[in-house]
């Protein structure tokens, strides 16, 4: 079973500034995290056209909990965490999710 850190970003004050900083600065920082097996992100929308609860969501995937725990204490993760206030003016909610595929069952 893999594990991921999910980062939910609230609507920023300046979406263009968020997008530019996230792509040009934050992604390169976060990609350096040791043990990272995948990193995805995307902007949110709703099926009915209403305002979604989050502007964007990122998922940092790790092969297991021990690898994730080691990554959380790394200098690379510390640098990525310290960068968040530079662009996430809409707030951030984070959680950890154990992930199990049910597709081929």
PDB file of N, CA and C in Angstrom:
ATOM      1  N   UNK A   1       0.848  -1.174   0.000  1.00  0.00           N
ATOM      2  CA  UNK A   1       0.000   0.000   0.000  1.00  0.00           C
ATOM      3  C   UNK A   1       0.895   1.239   0.000  1.00  0.00           C
ATOM      4  N   UNK A   2       0.602   2.161  -0.885  1.00  0.00           N
ATOM      5  CA  UNK A   2       1.353   3.405  -0.934  1.00  0.00           C
ATOM      6  C   UNK A   2       0.691   4.442  -0.030  1.00  0.00           C
ATOM      7  N   UNK A   3       1.364   5.555   0.130  1.00  0.00           N
ATOM      8  CA  UNK A   3       0.855   6.633   0.968  1.00  0.00           C
ATOM      9  C   UNK A   3       1.136   7.951   0.257  1.00  0.00           C
ATOM     10  N   UNK A   4       0.255   8.928   0.500  1.00  0.00           N
ATOM     11  CA  UNK A   4       0.487  10.230  -0.119  1.00  0.00           C
ATOM     12  C   UNK A   4       0.129  11.349   0.839  1.00  0.00           C
ATOM     13  N   UNK A   5       0.806  12.459   0.633  1.00  0.00           N
ATOM     14  CA  UNK A   5       0.476  13.704   1.320  1.00  0.00           C
ATOM     15  C   UNK A   5      -0.359  14.509   0.338  1.00  0.00           C
ATOM     16  N   UNK A   6      -1.545  14.903   0.761  1.00  0.00           N
ATOM     17  CA  UNK A   6      -2.440  15.686  -0.086  1.00  0.00           C
ATOM     18  C   UNK A   6      -2.442  17.111   0.441  1.00  0.00           C
ATOM     19  N   UNK A   7      -2.198  18.062  -0.459  1.00  0.00           N
ATOM     20  CA  UNK A   7      -2.131  19.475  -0.103  1.00  0.00           C
ATOM     21  C   UNK A   7      -3.232  20.203  -0.860  1.00  0.00           C
ATOM     22  N   UNK A   8      -4.173  20.772  -0.118  1.00  0.00           N
ATOM     23  CA  UNK A   8      -5.333  21.454  -0.696  1.00  0.00           C
ATOM     24  C   UNK A   8      -5.157  22.958  -0.500  1.00  0.00           C
ATOM     25  N   UNK A   9      -5.110  23.684  -1.602  1.00  0.00           N
ATOM     26  CA  UNK A   9      -4.878  25.125  -1.557  1.00  0.00           C
ATOM     27  C   UNK A   9      -6.190  25.885  -1.733  1.00  0.00           C
ATOM     28  N   UNK A  10      -6.477  26.793  -0.795  1.00  0.00           N
ATOM     29  CA  UNK A  10      -7.639  27.662  -0.918  1.00  0.00           C
ATOM     30  C   UNK A  10      -7.435  28.678  -2.028  1.00  0.00           C
ATOM     31  N   UNK A  11      -8.523  29.334  -2.432  1.00  0.00           N
ATOM     32  CA  UNK A  11      -8.441  30.318  -3.519  1.00  0.00           C
ATOM     33  C   UNK A  11      -7.485  31.449  -3.137  1.00  0.00           C
ATOM     34  N   UNK A  12      -6.427  31.647  -3.932  1.00  0.00           N
ATOM     35  CA  UNK A  12      -5.456  32.698  -3.614  1.00  0.00           C
ATOM     36  C   UNK A  12      -5.993  34.087  -3.962  1.00  0.00           C
ATOM     37  N   UNK A  13      -5.396  35.082  -3.336  1.00  0.00           N
ATOM     38  CA  UNK A  13      -5.771  36.466  -3.633  1.00  0.00           C
ATOM     39  C   UNK A  13      -5.481  36.817  -5.091  1.00  0.00           C
ATOM     40  N   UNK A  14      -4.363  36.297  -5.625  1.00  0.00           N
ATOM     41  CA  UNK A  14      -3.961  36.559  -7.003  1.00  0.00           C
ATOM     42  C   UNK A  14      -3.662  35.218  -7.678  1.00  0.00           C
ATOM     43  N   UNK A  15      -4.651  34.632  -8.359  1.00  0.00           N
ATOM     44  CA  UNK A  15      -4.454  33.316  -8.970  1.00  0.00           C
ATOM     45  C   UNK A  15      -3.283  33.247  -9.960  1.00  0.00           C
ATOM     46  N   UNK A  16      -3.076  34.316 -10.736  1.00  0.00           N
ATOM     47  CA  UNK A  16      -1.959  34.297 -11.691  1.00  0.00           C
ATOM     48  C   UNK A  16      -0.616  34.233 -10.968  1.00  0.00           C
ATOM     49  N   UNK A  17      -0.491  34.980  -9.881  1.00  0.00           N
ATOM     50  CA  UNK A  17       0.743  34.956  -9.088  1.00  0.00           C
ATOM     51  C   UNK A  17       0.950  33.560  -8.478  1.00  0.00           C
ATOM     52  N   UNK A  18      -0.128  32.961  -7.962  1.00  0.00           N
ATOM     53  CA  UNK A  18      -0.051  31.606  -7.417  1.00  0.00           C
ATOM     54  C   UNK A  18       0.462  30.650  -8.488  1.00  0.00           C
ATOM     55  N   UNK A  19      -0.186  30.661  -9.661  1.00  0.00           N
ATOM     56  CA  UNK A  19       0.169  29.727 -10.728  1.00  0.00           C
ATOM     57  C   UNK A  19       1.629  29.862 -11.132  1.00  0.00           C
ATOM     58  N   UNK A  20       2.085  31.087 -11.323  1.00  0.00           N
ATOM     59  CA  UNK A  20       3.466  31.319 -11.748  1.00  0.00           C
ATOM     60  C   UNK A  20       4.448  30.843 -10.692  1.00  0.00           C
ATOM     61  N   UNK A  21       4.222  31.217  -9.450  1.00  0.00           N
ATOM     62  CA  UNK A  21       5.137  30.810  -8.372  1.00  0.00           C
ATOM     63  C   UNK A  21       5.105  29.297  -8.183  1.00  0.00           C
ATOM     64  N   UNK A  22       3.916  28.719  -8.211  1.00  0.00           N
ATOM     65  CA  UNK A  22       3.809  27.275  -8.006  1.00  0.00           C
ATOM     66  C   UNK A  22       4.590  26.519  -9.077  1.00  0.00           C
ATOM     67  N   UNK A  23       4.393  26.881 -10.334  1.00  0.00           N
ATOM     68  CA  UNK A  23       5.072  26.179 -11.437  1.00  0.00           C
ATOM     69  C   UNK A  23       6.575  26.450 -11.474  1.00  0.00           C
ATOM     70  N   UNK A  24       6.963  27.710 -11.285  1.00  0.00           N
ATOM     71  CA  UNK A  24       8.363  28.090 -11.490  1.00  0.00           C
ATOM     72  C   UNK A  24       9.249  27.895 -10.274  1.00  0.00           C
ATOM     73  N   UNK A  25       8.671  27.943  -9.079  1.00  0.00           N
ATOM     74  CA  UNK A  25       9.471  27.871  -7.858  1.00  0.00           C
ATOM     75  C   UNK A  25       9.122  26.646  -7.017  1.00  0.00           C
ATOM     76  N   UNK A  26       7.840  26.480  -6.696  1.00  0.00           N
ATOM     77  CA  UNK A  26       7.470  25.446  -5.724  1.00  0.00           C
ATOM     78  C   UNK A  26       7.611  24.023  -6.271  1.00  0.00           C
ATOM     79  N   UNK A  27       7.152  23.783  -7.474  1.00  0.00           N
ATOM     80  CA  UNK A  27       7.288  22.438  -8.037  1.00  0.00           C
ATOM     81  C   UNK A  27       8.754  21.996  -8.077  1.00  0.00           C
ATOM     82  N   UNK A  28       9.666  22.822  -8.583  1.00  0.00           N
ATOM     83  CA  UNK A  28      11.071  22.377  -8.571  1.00  0.00           C
ATOM     84  C   UNK A  28      11.603  22.095  -7.162  1.00  0.00           C
ATOM     85  N   UNK A  29      11.172  22.861  -6.164  1.00  0.00           N
ATOM     86  CA  UNK A  29      11.588  22.594  -4.782  1.00  0.00           C
ATOM     87  C   UNK A  29      11.036  21.260  -4.292  1.00  0.00           C
ATOM     88  N   UNK A  30       9.730  21.070  -4.444  1.00  0.00           N
ATOM     89  CA  UNK A  30       9.077  19.870  -3.920  1.00  0.00           C
ATOM     90  C   UNK A  30       9.534  18.603  -4.639  1.00  0.00           C
ATOM     91  N   UNK A  31       9.862  18.704  -5.914  1.00  0.00           N
ATOM     92  CA  UNK A  31      10.305  17.521  -6.670  1.00  0.00           C
ATOM     93  C   UNK A  31      11.620  16.954  -6.151  1.00  0.00           C
ATOM     94  N   UNK A  32      12.369  17.740  -5.424  1.00  0.00           N
ATOM     95  CA  UNK A  32      13.651  17.286  -4.865  1.00  0.00           C
ATOM     96  C   UNK A  32      13.485  16.430  -3.613  1.00  0.00           C
ATOM     97  N   UNK A  33      12.253  16.301  -3.118  1.00  0.00           N
ATOM     98  CA  UNK A  33      12.001  15.546  -1.887  1.00  0.00           C
ATOM     99  C   UNK A  33      12.461  14.102  -2.052  1.00  0.00           C
ATOM    100  N   UNK A  34      13.334  13.626  -1.171  1.00  0.00           N
ATOM    101  CA  UNK A  34      13.818  12.251  -1.289  1.00  0.00           C
ATOM    102  C   UNK A  34      12.702  11.236  -1.056  1.00  0.00           C
ATOM    103  N   UNK A  35      12.708  10.175  -1.854  1.00  0.00           N
ATOM    104  CA  UNK A  35      11.730   9.113  -1.701  1.00  0.00           C
ATOM    105  C   UNK A  35      10.425   9.336  -2.444  1.00  0.00           C
ATOM    106  N   UNK A  36      10.268  10.497  -3.037  1.00  0.00           N
ATOM    107  CA  UNK A  36       9.045  10.823  -3.765  1.00  0.00           C
ATOM    108  C   UNK A  36       8.920   9.893  -4.976  1.00  0.00           C
ATOM    109  N   UNK A  37       7.785   9.196  -5.094  1.00  0.00           N
ATOM    110  CA  UNK A  37       7.601   8.296  -6.228  1.00  0.00           C
ATOM    111  C   UNK A  37       6.700   8.890  -7.308  1.00  0.00           C
ATOM    112  N   UNK A  38       5.915   9.897  -6.957  1.00  0.00           N
ATOM    113  CA  UNK A  38       5.088  10.606  -7.927  1.00  0.00           C
ATOM    114  C   UNK A  38       4.653  11.913  -7.286  1.00  0.00           C
ATOM    115  N   UNK A  39       4.332  12.889  -8.124  1.00  0.00           N
ATOM    116  CA  UNK A  39       3.895  14.197  -7.655  1.00  0.00           C
ATOM    117  C   UNK A  39       2.906  14.706  -8.688  1.00  0.00           C
ATOM    118  N   UNK A  40       1.672  14.878  -8.294  1.00  0.00           N
ATOM    119  CA  UNK A  40       0.651  15.376  -9.199  1.00  0.00           C
ATOM    120  C   UNK A  40       0.018  16.633  -8.611  1.00  0.00           C
ATOM    121  N   UNK A  41      -0.539  17.451  -9.467  1.00  0.00           N
ATOM    122  CA  UNK A  41      -1.276  18.615  -8.994  1.00  0.00           C
ATOM    123  C   UNK A  41      -2.251  19.039 -10.079  1.00  0.00           C
ATOM    124  N   UNK A  42      -3.255  19.783  -9.693  1.00  0.00           N
ATOM    125  CA  UNK A  42      -4.195  20.315 -10.656  1.00  0.00           C
ATOM    126  C   UNK A  42      -5.145  21.306 -10.002  1.00  0.00           C
ATOM    127  N   UNK A  43      -5.712  22.156 -10.838  1.00  0.00           N
ATOM    128  CA  UNK A  43      -6.706  23.116 -10.369  1.00  0.00           C
ATOM    129  C   UNK A  43      -8.059  22.424 -10.275  1.00  0.00           C
ATOM    130  N   UNK A  44      -8.880  22.906  -9.372  1.00  0.00           N
ATOM    131  CA  UNK A  44     -10.167  22.270  -9.093  1.00  0.00           C
ATOM    132  C   UNK A  44     -11.314  22.974  -9.816  1.00  0.00           C
ATOM    133  N   UNK A  45     -12.310  22.182 -10.175  1.00  0.00           N
ATOM    134  CA  UNK A  45     -13.575  22.699 -10.673  1.00  0.00           C
ATOM    135  C   UNK A  45     -14.658  21.745 -10.175  1.00  0.00           C
ATOM    136  N   UNK A  46     -15.901  22.154 -10.301  1.00  0.00           N
ATOM    137  CA  UNK A  46     -16.997  21.303  -9.854  1.00  0.00           C
ATOM    138  C   UNK A  46     -17.824  20.864 -11.062  1.00  0.00           C
ATOM    139  N   UNK A  47     -18.555  19.801 -10.896  1.00  0.00           N
ATOM    140  CA  UNK A  47     -19.401  19.303 -11.983  1.00  0.00           C
ATOM    141  C   UNK A  47     -20.582  20.220 -12.266  1.00  0.00           C
ATOM    142  N   UNK A  48     -21.036  20.951 -11.249  1.00  0.00           N
ATOM    143  CA  UNK A  48     -22.202  21.820 -11.437  1.00  0.00           C
ATOM    144  C   UNK A  48     -21.847  23.288 -11.683  1.00  0.00           C
ATOM    145  N   UNK A  49     -20.558  23.603 -11.784  1.00  0.00           N
ATOM    146  CA  UNK A  49     -20.137  24.970 -12.067  1.00  0.00           C
ATOM    147  C   UNK A  49     -20.065  25.880 -10.861  1.00  0.00           C
ATOM    148  N   UNK A  50     -20.358  25.377  -9.677  1.00  0.00           N
ATOM    149  CA  UNK A  50     -20.254  26.196  -8.467  1.00  0.00           C
ATOM    150  C   UNK A  50     -18.781  26.349  -8.072  1.00  0.00           C
ATOM    151  N   UNK A  51     -18.553  27.198  -7.102  1.00  0.00           N
ATOM    152  CA  UNK A  51     -17.190  27.437  -6.618  1.00  0.00           C
ATOM    153  C   UNK A  51     -16.692  26.201  -5.859  1.00  0.00           C
ATOM    154  N   UNK A  52     -15.568  25.623  -6.273  1.00  0.00           N
ATOM    155  CA  UNK A  52     -15.049  24.455  -5.552  1.00  0.00           C
ATOM    156  C   UNK A  52     -14.465  24.866  -4.199  1.00  0.00           C
ATOM    157  N   UNK A  53     -14.369  23.929  -3.262  1.00  0.00           N
ATOM    158  CA  UNK A  53     -13.830  24.265  -1.947  1.00  0.00           C
ATOM    159  C   UNK A  53     -12.343  24.585  -1.971  1.00  0.00           C
ATOM    160  N   UNK A  54     -11.634  24.139  -3.008  1.00  0.00           N
ATOM    161  CA  UNK A  54     -10.192  24.394  -3.121  1.00  0.00           C
ATOM    162  C   UNK A  54      -9.868  24.903  -4.515  1.00  0.00           C
ATOM    163  N   UNK A  55      -8.822  25.716  -4.589  1.00  0.00           N
ATOM    164  CA  UNK A  55      -8.339  26.233  -5.866  1.00  0.00           C
ATOM    165  C   UNK A  55      -7.528  25.167  -6.606  1.00  0.00           C
ATOM    166  N   UNK A  56      -6.662  24.484  -5.863  1.00  0.00           N
ATOM    167  CA  UNK A  56      -5.808  23.455  -6.459  1.00  0.00           C
ATOM    168  C   UNK A  56      -5.481  22.405  -5.407  1.00  0.00           C
ATOM    169  N   UNK A  57      -5.147  21.211  -5.866  1.00  0.00           N
ATOM    170  CA  UNK A  57      -4.751  20.126  -4.971  1.00  0.00           C
ATOM    171  C   UNK A  57      -3.510  19.452  -5.539  1.00  0.00           C
ATOM    172  N   UNK A  58      -2.554  19.204  -4.655  1.00  0.00           N
ATOM    173  CA  UNK A  58      -1.335  18.480  -5.025  1.00  0.00           C
ATOM    174  C   UNK A  58      -1.267  17.200  -4.213  1.00  0.00           C
ATOM    175  N   UNK A  59      -0.654  16.177  -4.788  1.00  0.00           N
ATOM    176  CA  UNK A  59      -0.470  14.906  -4.089  1.00  0.00           C
ATOM    177  C   UNK A  59       0.977  14.467  -4.248  1.00  0.00           C
ATOM    178  N   UNK A  60       1.637  14.267  -3.117  1.00  0.00           N
ATOM    179  CA  UNK A  60       3.016  13.788  -3.098  1.00  0.00           C
ATOM    180  C   UNK A  60       2.978  12.328  -2.674  1.00  0.00           C
ATOM    181  N   UNK A  61       3.335  11.444  -3.591  1.00  0.00           N
ATOM    182  CA  UNK A  61       3.210   9.998  -3.386  1.00  0.00           C
ATOM    183  C   UNK A  61       4.532   9.397  -2.919  1.00  0.00           C
ATOM    184  N   UNK A  62       4.413   8.451  -2.001  1.00  0.00           N
ATOM    185  CA  UNK A  62       5.562   7.718  -1.476  1.00  0.00           C
ATOM    186  C   UNK A  62       5.226   6.230  -1.474  1.00  0.00           C
ATOM    187  N   UNK A  63       6.237   5.364  -1.610  1.00  0.00           N
ATOM    188  CA  UNK A  63       5.962   3.926  -1.656  1.00  0.00           C
ATOM    189  C   UNK A  63       5.451   3.353  -0.343  1.00  0.00           C
ATOM    190  N   UNK A  64       5.790   4.007   0.786  1.00  0.00           N
ATOM    191  CA  UNK A  64       5.353   3.499   2.090  1.00  0.00           C
ATOM    192  C   UNK A  64       5.486   4.592   3.141  1.00  0.00           C
ATOM    193  N   UNK A  65       4.946   4.322   4.305  1.00  0.00           N
ATOM    194  CA  UNK A  65       4.925   5.302   5.394  1.00  0.00           C
ATOM    195  C   UNK A  65       6.321   5.654   5.895  1.00  0.00           C
ATOM    196  N   UNK A  66       7.200   4.669   5.976  1.00  0.00           N
ATOM    197  CA  UNK A  66       8.564   4.930   6.462  1.00  0.00           C
ATOM    198  C   UNK A  66       9.295   5.898   5.534  1.00  0.00           C
ATOM    199  N   UNK A  67       9.126   5.732   4.233  1.00  0.00           N
ATOM    200  CA  UNK A  67       9.759   6.640   3.265  1.00  0.00           C
ATOM    201  C   UNK A  67       9.182   8.038   3.399  1.00  0.00           C
ATOM    202  N   UNK A  68       7.870   8.124   3.580  1.00  0.00           N
ATOM    203  CA  UNK A  68       7.234   9.425   3.760  1.00  0.00           C
ATOM    204  C   UNK A  68       7.747  10.107   5.031  1.00  0.00           C
ATOM    205  N   UNK A  69       7.833   9.374   6.128  1.00  0.00           N
ATOM    206  CA  UNK A  69       8.314   9.945   7.384  1.00  0.00           C
ATOM    207  C   UNK A  69       9.732  10.474   7.244  1.00  0.00           C
ATOM    208  N   UNK A  70      10.563   9.735   6.550  1.00  0.00           N
ATOM    209  CA  UNK A  70      11.939  10.190   6.309  1.00  0.00           C
ATOM    210  C   UNK A  70      11.934  11.462   5.460  1.00  0.00           C
ATOM    211  N   UNK A  71      11.090  11.496   4.447  1.00  0.00           N
ATOM    212  CA  UNK A  71      11.001  12.672   3.579  1.00  0.00           C
ATOM    213  C   UNK A  71      10.540  13.903   4.348  1.00  0.00           C
ATOM    214  N   UNK A  72       9.610  13.711   5.283  1.00  0.00           N
ATOM    215  CA  UNK A  72       9.094  14.842   6.052  1.00  0.00           C
ATOM    216  C   UNK A  72      10.170  15.540   6.878  1.00  0.00           C
ATOM    217  N   UNK A  73      11.202  14.819   7.247  1.00  0.00           N
ATOM    218  CA  UNK A  73      12.271  15.416   8.049  1.00  0.00           C
ATOM    219  C   UNK A  73      13.466  15.857   7.201  1.00  0.00           C
ATOM    220  N   UNK A  74      13.354  15.793   5.899  1.00  0.00           N
ATOM    221  CA  UNK A  74      14.467  16.145   5.014  1.00  0.00           C
ATOM    222  C   UNK A  74      14.589  17.658   4.834  1.00  0.00           C
ATOM    223  N   UNK A  75      15.784  18.103   4.485  1.00  0.00           N
ATOM    224  CA  UNK A  75      16.004  19.518   4.186  1.00  0.00           C
ATOM    225  C   UNK A  75      15.176  19.963   2.981  1.00  0.00           C
ATOM    226  N   UNK A  76      15.032  19.074   2.004  1.00  0.00           N
ATOM    227  CA  UNK A  76      14.275  19.416   0.804  1.00  0.00           C
ATOM    228  C   UNK A  76      12.806  19.690   1.133  1.00  0.00           C
ATOM    229  N   UNK A  77      12.227  18.868   1.992  1.00  0.00           N
ATOM    230  CA  UNK A  77      10.832  19.085   2.386  1.00  0.00           C
ATOM    231  C   UNK A  77      10.709  20.349   3.235  1.00  0.00           C
ATOM    232  N   UNK A  78      11.692  20.612   4.076  1.00  0.00           N
ATOM    233  CA  UNK A  78      11.684  21.830   4.891  1.00  0.00           C
ATOM    234  C   UNK A  78      11.683  23.061   3.986  1.00  0.00           C
ATOM    235  N   UNK A  79      12.500  23.050   2.948  1.00  0.00           N
ATOM    236  CA  UNK A  79      12.550  24.179   2.018  1.00  0.00           C
ATOM    237  C   UNK A  79      11.218  24.362   1.292  1.00  0.00           C
ATOM    238  N   UNK A  80      10.598  23.258   0.894  1.00  0.00           N
ATOM    239  CA  UNK A  80       9.292  23.347   0.230  1.00  0.00           C
ATOM    240  C   UNK A  80       8.238  23.895   1.190  1.00  0.00           C
ATOM    241  N   UNK A  81       8.249  23.420   2.446  1.00  0.00           N
ATOM    242  CA  UNK A  81       7.283  23.931   3.439  1.00  0.00           C
ATOM    243  C   UNK A  81       7.471  25.429   3.665  1.00  0.00           C
ATOM    244  N   UNK A  82       8.725  25.870   3.743  1.00  0.00           N
ATOM    245  CA  UNK A  82       9.000  27.287   3.983  1.00  0.00           C
ATOM    246  C   UNK A  82       8.574  28.167   2.813  1.00  0.00           C
ATOM    247  N   UNK A  83       8.448  27.585   1.632  1.00  0.00           N
ATOM    248  CA  UNK A  83       8.038  28.348   0.453  1.00  0.00           C
ATOM    249  C   UNK A  83       6.528  28.583   0.404  1.00  0.00           C
ATOM    250  N   UNK A  84       5.737  27.754   1.044  1.00  0.00           N
ATOM    251  CA  UNK A  84       4.271  27.812   0.935  1.00  0.00           C
ATOM    252  C   UNK A  84       3.701  29.212   1.222  1.00  0.00           C
ATOM    253  N   UNK A  85       4.121  29.915   2.273  1.00  0.00           N
ATOM    254  CA  UNK A  85       3.553  31.252   2.513  1.00  0.00           C
ATOM    255  C   UNK A  85       3.850  32.259   1.396  1.00  0.00           C
ATOM    256  N   UNK A  86       4.811  31.958   0.527  1.00  0.00           N
ATOM    257  CA  UNK A  86       5.152  32.871  -0.563  1.00  0.00           C
ATOM    258  C   UNK A  86       4.106  32.909  -1.672  1.00  0.00           C
ATOM    259  N   UNK A  87       3.190  31.937  -1.709  1.00  0.00           N
ATOM    260  CA  UNK A  87       2.202  31.918  -2.789  1.00  0.00           C
ATOM    261  C   UNK A  87       0.804  31.488  -2.344  1.00  0.00           C
ATOM    262  N   UNK A  88       0.668  30.817  -1.218  1.00  0.00           N
ATOM    263  CA  UNK A  88      -0.613  30.229  -0.803  1.00  0.00           C
ATOM    264  C   UNK A  88      -1.409  31.182   0.081  1.00  0.00           C
ATOM    265  N   UNK A  89      -1.815  32.315  -0.478  1.00  0.00           N
ATOM    266  CA  UNK A  89      -2.535  33.324   0.300  1.00  0.00           C
ATOM    267  C   UNK A  89      -3.957  32.887   0.667  1.00  0.00           C
ATOM    268  N   UNK A  90      -4.455  31.826   0.050  1.00  0.00           N
ATOM    269  CA  UNK A  90      -5.808  31.354   0.343  1.00  0.00           C
ATOM    270  C   UNK A  90      -5.870  30.272   1.403  1.00  0.00           C
ATOM    271  N   UNK A  91      -4.725  29.976   2.022  1.00  0.00           N
ATOM    272  CA  UNK A  91      -4.685  28.948   3.048  1.00  0.00           C
ATOM    273  C   UNK A  91      -4.391  27.569   2.480  1.00  0.00           C
ATOM    274  N   UNK A  92      -4.014  26.672   3.372  1.00  0.00           N
ATOM    275  CA  UNK A  92      -3.616  25.323   2.974  1.00  0.00           C
ATOM    276  C   UNK A  92      -4.177  24.318   3.974  1.00  0.00           C
ATOM    277  N   UNK A  93      -4.714  23.227   3.461  1.00  0.00           N
ATOM    278  CA  UNK A  93      -5.132  22.092   4.273  1.00  0.00           C
ATOM    279  C   UNK A  93      -4.341  20.887   3.793  1.00  0.00           C
ATOM    280  N   UNK A  94      -3.722  20.156   4.744  1.00  0.00           N
ATOM    281  CA  UNK A  94      -2.928  18.984   4.365  1.00  0.00           C
ATOM    282  C   UNK A  94      -3.387  17.772   5.142  1.00  0.00           C
ATOM    283  N   UNK A  95      -3.306  16.623   4.502  1.00  0.00           N
ATOM    284  CA  UNK A  95      -3.580  15.369   5.179  1.00  0.00           C
ATOM    285  C   UNK A  95      -2.785  14.252   4.525  1.00  0.00           C
ATOM    286  N   UNK A  96      -2.707  13.134   5.209  1.00  0.00           N
ATOM    287  CA  UNK A  96      -2.031  11.943   4.696  1.00  0.00           C
ATOM    288  C   UNK A  96      -3.095  10.904   4.372  1.00  0.00           C
ATOM    289  N   UNK A  97      -2.908  10.219   3.258  1.00  0.00           N
ATOM    290  CA  UNK A  97      -3.862   9.196   2.838  1.00  0.00           C
ATOM    291  C   UNK A  97      -3.133   7.917   2.475  1.00  0.00           C
ATOM    292  N   UNK A  98      -3.512   6.807   3.120  1.00  0.00           N
ATOM    293  CA  UNK A  98      -3.073   5.488   2.677  1.00  0.00           C
ATOM    294  C   UNK A  98      -3.869   5.182   1.426  1.00  0.00           C
ATOM    295  N   UNK A  99      -3.200   4.642   0.437  1.00  0.00           N
ATOM    296  CA  UNK A  99      -3.866   4.457  -0.835  1.00  0.00           C
ATOM    297  C   UNK A  99      -3.793   2.995  -1.265  1.00  0.00           C
ATOM    298  N   UNK A 100      -4.935   2.460  -1.659  1.00  0.00           N
ATOM    299  CA  UNK A 100      -5.021   1.083  -2.102  1.00  0.00           C
ATOM    300  C   UNK A 100      -5.854   1.045  -3.380  1.00  0.00           C
ATOM    301  N   UNK A 101      -5.317   0.485  -4.418  1.00  0.00           N
ATOM    302  CA  UNK A 101      -6.049   0.380  -5.674  1.00  0.00           C
ATOM    303  C   UNK A 101      -7.102  -0.713  -5.570  1.00  0.00           C
ATOM    304  N   UNK A 102      -8.294  -0.408  -6.037  1.00  0.00           N
ATOM    305  CA  UNK A 102      -9.368  -1.398  -6.100  1.00  0.00           C
ATOM    306  C   UNK A 102      -9.771  -1.678  -7.542  1.00  0.00           C
ATOM    307  N   UNK A 103      -9.033  -1.116  -8.467  1.00  0.00           N
ATOM    308  CA  UNK A 103      -9.367  -1.204  -9.876  1.00  0.00           C
ATOM    309  C   UNK A 103      -9.338  -2.638 -10.399  1.00  0.00           C
ATOM    310  N   UNK A 104      -8.302  -3.372 -10.084  1.00  0.00           N
ATOM    311  CA  UNK A 104      -8.142  -4.726 -10.622  1.00  0.00           C
ATOM    312  C   UNK A 104      -8.597  -5.813  -9.659  1.00  0.00           C
ATOM    313  N   UNK A 105      -9.473  -5.523  -8.761  1.00  0.00           N
ATOM    314  CA  UNK A 105      -9.946  -6.536  -7.813  1.00  0.00           C
ATOM    315  C   UNK A 105     -11.162  -7.235  -8.324  1.00  0.00           C
TER     316      UNK A 105
END
